[in-house]
Amino acid sequence: MSMAWLNARGNTGIAAYIGIGMGATDYKQPMQSPYPFARLTVPFLNILGSNDYPAVQRMSDEIETFICDMHPASRQVTVQGADHYFDAYNEELPSVIINWLATLPAPTDSR
């Protein structure tokens, strides 16, 4: 869903983008289209678990190559021990997000 939105709108109307478990598909289903990383110039946080699906692990390698070019505040974080659903990591996942958001400058109102 977010891929289609990014493809259509790019950065329009967003100050940052957070992806969690990116690259997962239904069992044995290929990705329908690649993520439109070139459309992102805002800060990007990618979060995955160290025990995430193999497809997510592979996608994290691809994402790592884009992060440097996206925005200096972009990051990729692996939550050690977490699976794709972050079961038993109900505190770590939001903590990663909150800590990253706190490093970003406040968005300016362009109205």
Protein backbone atom coordinates (compact mmCIF):
# COMPACT_ATOMS: atom_id res chain seq x y z
CA MET A 1 0.00 0.00 0.00
CA SER A 2 2.66 2.50 0.94
CA MET A 3 4.61 1.64 -2.23
CA ALA A 4 1.69 2.70 -4.40
CA TRP A 5 1.28 5.91 -2.41
CA LEU A 6 4.99 6.72 -2.70
CA ASN A 7 4.99 5.93 -6.40
CA ALA A 8 2.08 8.28 -6.98
CA ARG A 9 3.00 11.08 -4.59
CA GLY A 10 6.65 10.82 -3.65
CA ASN A 11 7.47 13.07 -0.72
CA THR A 12 4.38 15.19 -1.10
CA GLY A 13 2.87 15.96 2.27
CA ILE A 14 5.26 13.94 4.43
CA ALA A 15 8.23 15.02 6.55
CA ALA A 16 9.63 11.51 7.12
CA TYR A 17 8.95 7.87 6.23
CA ILE A 18 9.10 4.79 8.47
CA GLY A 19 9.11 1.28 7.04
CA ILE A 20 8.77 -1.81 9.23
CA GLY A 21 9.52 -5.27 7.87
CA MET A 22 9.83 -4.00 4.31
CA GLY A 23 10.11 -6.70 1.67
CA ALA A 24 7.66 -9.18 3.14
CA THR A 25 5.18 -10.70 0.72
CA ASP A 26 2.62 -13.46 0.94
CA TYR A 27 4.25 -16.88 1.12
CA LYS A 28 6.29 -17.57 -2.04
CA GLN A 29 4.90 -14.48 -3.79
CA PRO A 30 7.33 -12.15 -5.57
CA MET A 31 7.31 -8.41 -5.08
CA GLN A 32 4.91 -6.92 -7.63
CA SER A 33 7.13 -3.90 -8.18
CA PRO A 34 10.26 -2.52 -6.56
CA TYR A 35 10.07 0.01 -3.77
CA PRO A 36 10.26 3.55 -5.20
CA PHE A 37 13.26 4.57 -3.10
CA ALA A 38 14.30 7.18 -5.66
CA ARG A 39 11.13 9.12 -4.80
CA LEU A 40 12.22 9.54 -1.17
CA THR A 41 14.33 12.52 -0.19
CA VAL A 42 12.91 12.89 3.33
CA PRO A 43 14.41 11.11 6.34
CA PHE A 44 13.69 7.38 6.19
CA LEU A 45 13.75 4.86 9.02
CA ASN A 46 13.72 1.16 8.14
CA ILE A 47 13.12 -1.26 11.02
CA LEU A 48 13.42 -5.03 10.88
CA GLY A 49 13.89 -7.87 13.32
CA SER A 50 17.03 -9.98 13.41
CA ASN A 51 14.71 -13.02 13.04
CA ASP A 52 12.59 -11.39 10.33
CA TYR A 53 11.58 -13.15 7.12
CA PRO A 54 14.42 -13.94 4.68
CA ALA A 55 12.87 -11.59 2.10
CA VAL A 56 12.96 -8.74 4.62
CA GLN A 57 16.60 -9.53 5.41
CA ARG A 58 17.45 -9.42 1.69
CA MET A 59 15.55 -6.15 1.23
CA SER A 60 17.46 -4.63 4.15
CA ASP A 61 20.69 -5.08 2.18
CA GLU A 62 19.17 -3.15 -0.73
CA ILE A 63 17.80 -0.47 1.57
CA GLU A 64 21.19 -0.03 3.22
CA THR A 65 22.66 1.04 -0.13
CA PHE A 66 19.96 3.71 -0.58
CA ILE A 67 19.96 5.12 2.94
CA CYS A 68 23.19 7.07 2.45
CA ASP A 69 21.76 8.83 -0.60
CA MET A 70 18.26 9.53 0.74
CA HIS A 71 18.84 11.93 3.59
CA PRO A 72 21.58 12.26 6.23
CA ALA A 73 19.07 11.46 9.01
CA SER A 74 17.99 8.18 7.38
CA ARG A 75 18.71 5.04 9.37
CA GLN A 76 18.19 1.30 9.37
CA VAL A 77 17.68 -0.41 12.73
CA THR A 78 17.62 -4.14 13.41
CA VAL A 79 15.88 -5.12 16.64
CA GLN A 80 17.84 -8.08 17.96
CA GLY A 81 15.70 -11.15 18.62
CA ALA A 82 12.54 -9.75 17.03
CA ASP A 83 10.60 -11.62 14.37
CA HIS A 84 8.51 -10.03 11.62
CA TYR A 85 5.63 -9.31 13.99
CA PHE A 86 7.82 -7.98 16.81
CA ASP A 87 6.08 -10.40 19.19
CA ALA A 88 7.34 -9.74 22.72
CA TYR A 89 9.00 -6.51 21.53
CA ASN A 90 6.10 -4.18 22.25
CA GLU A 91 8.36 -1.69 24.01
CA GLU A 92 11.41 -1.83 21.74
CA LEU A 93 9.62 -1.08 18.46
CA PRO A 94 7.98 2.20 19.53
CA SER A 95 11.15 3.14 21.40
CA VAL A 96 13.19 2.86 18.19
CA ILE A 97 10.65 5.06 16.39
CA ILE A 98 10.39 7.66 19.15
CA ASN A 99 14.17 7.90 19.54
CA TRP A 100 14.66 8.37 15.79
CA LEU A 101 11.89 10.96 15.49
CA ALA A 102 13.51 12.90 18.35
CA THR A 103 16.67 13.31 16.22
CA LEU A 104 14.81 15.01 13.38
CA PRO A 105 14.34 18.76 13.14
CA ALA A 106 10.78 19.94 13.58
CA PRO A 107 9.04 20.26 10.21
CA THR A 108 8.38 23.78 9.04
CA ASP A 109 4.85 24.83 8.25
CA SER A 110 4.77 25.74 4.56
CA ARG A 111 1.26 27.20 4.57
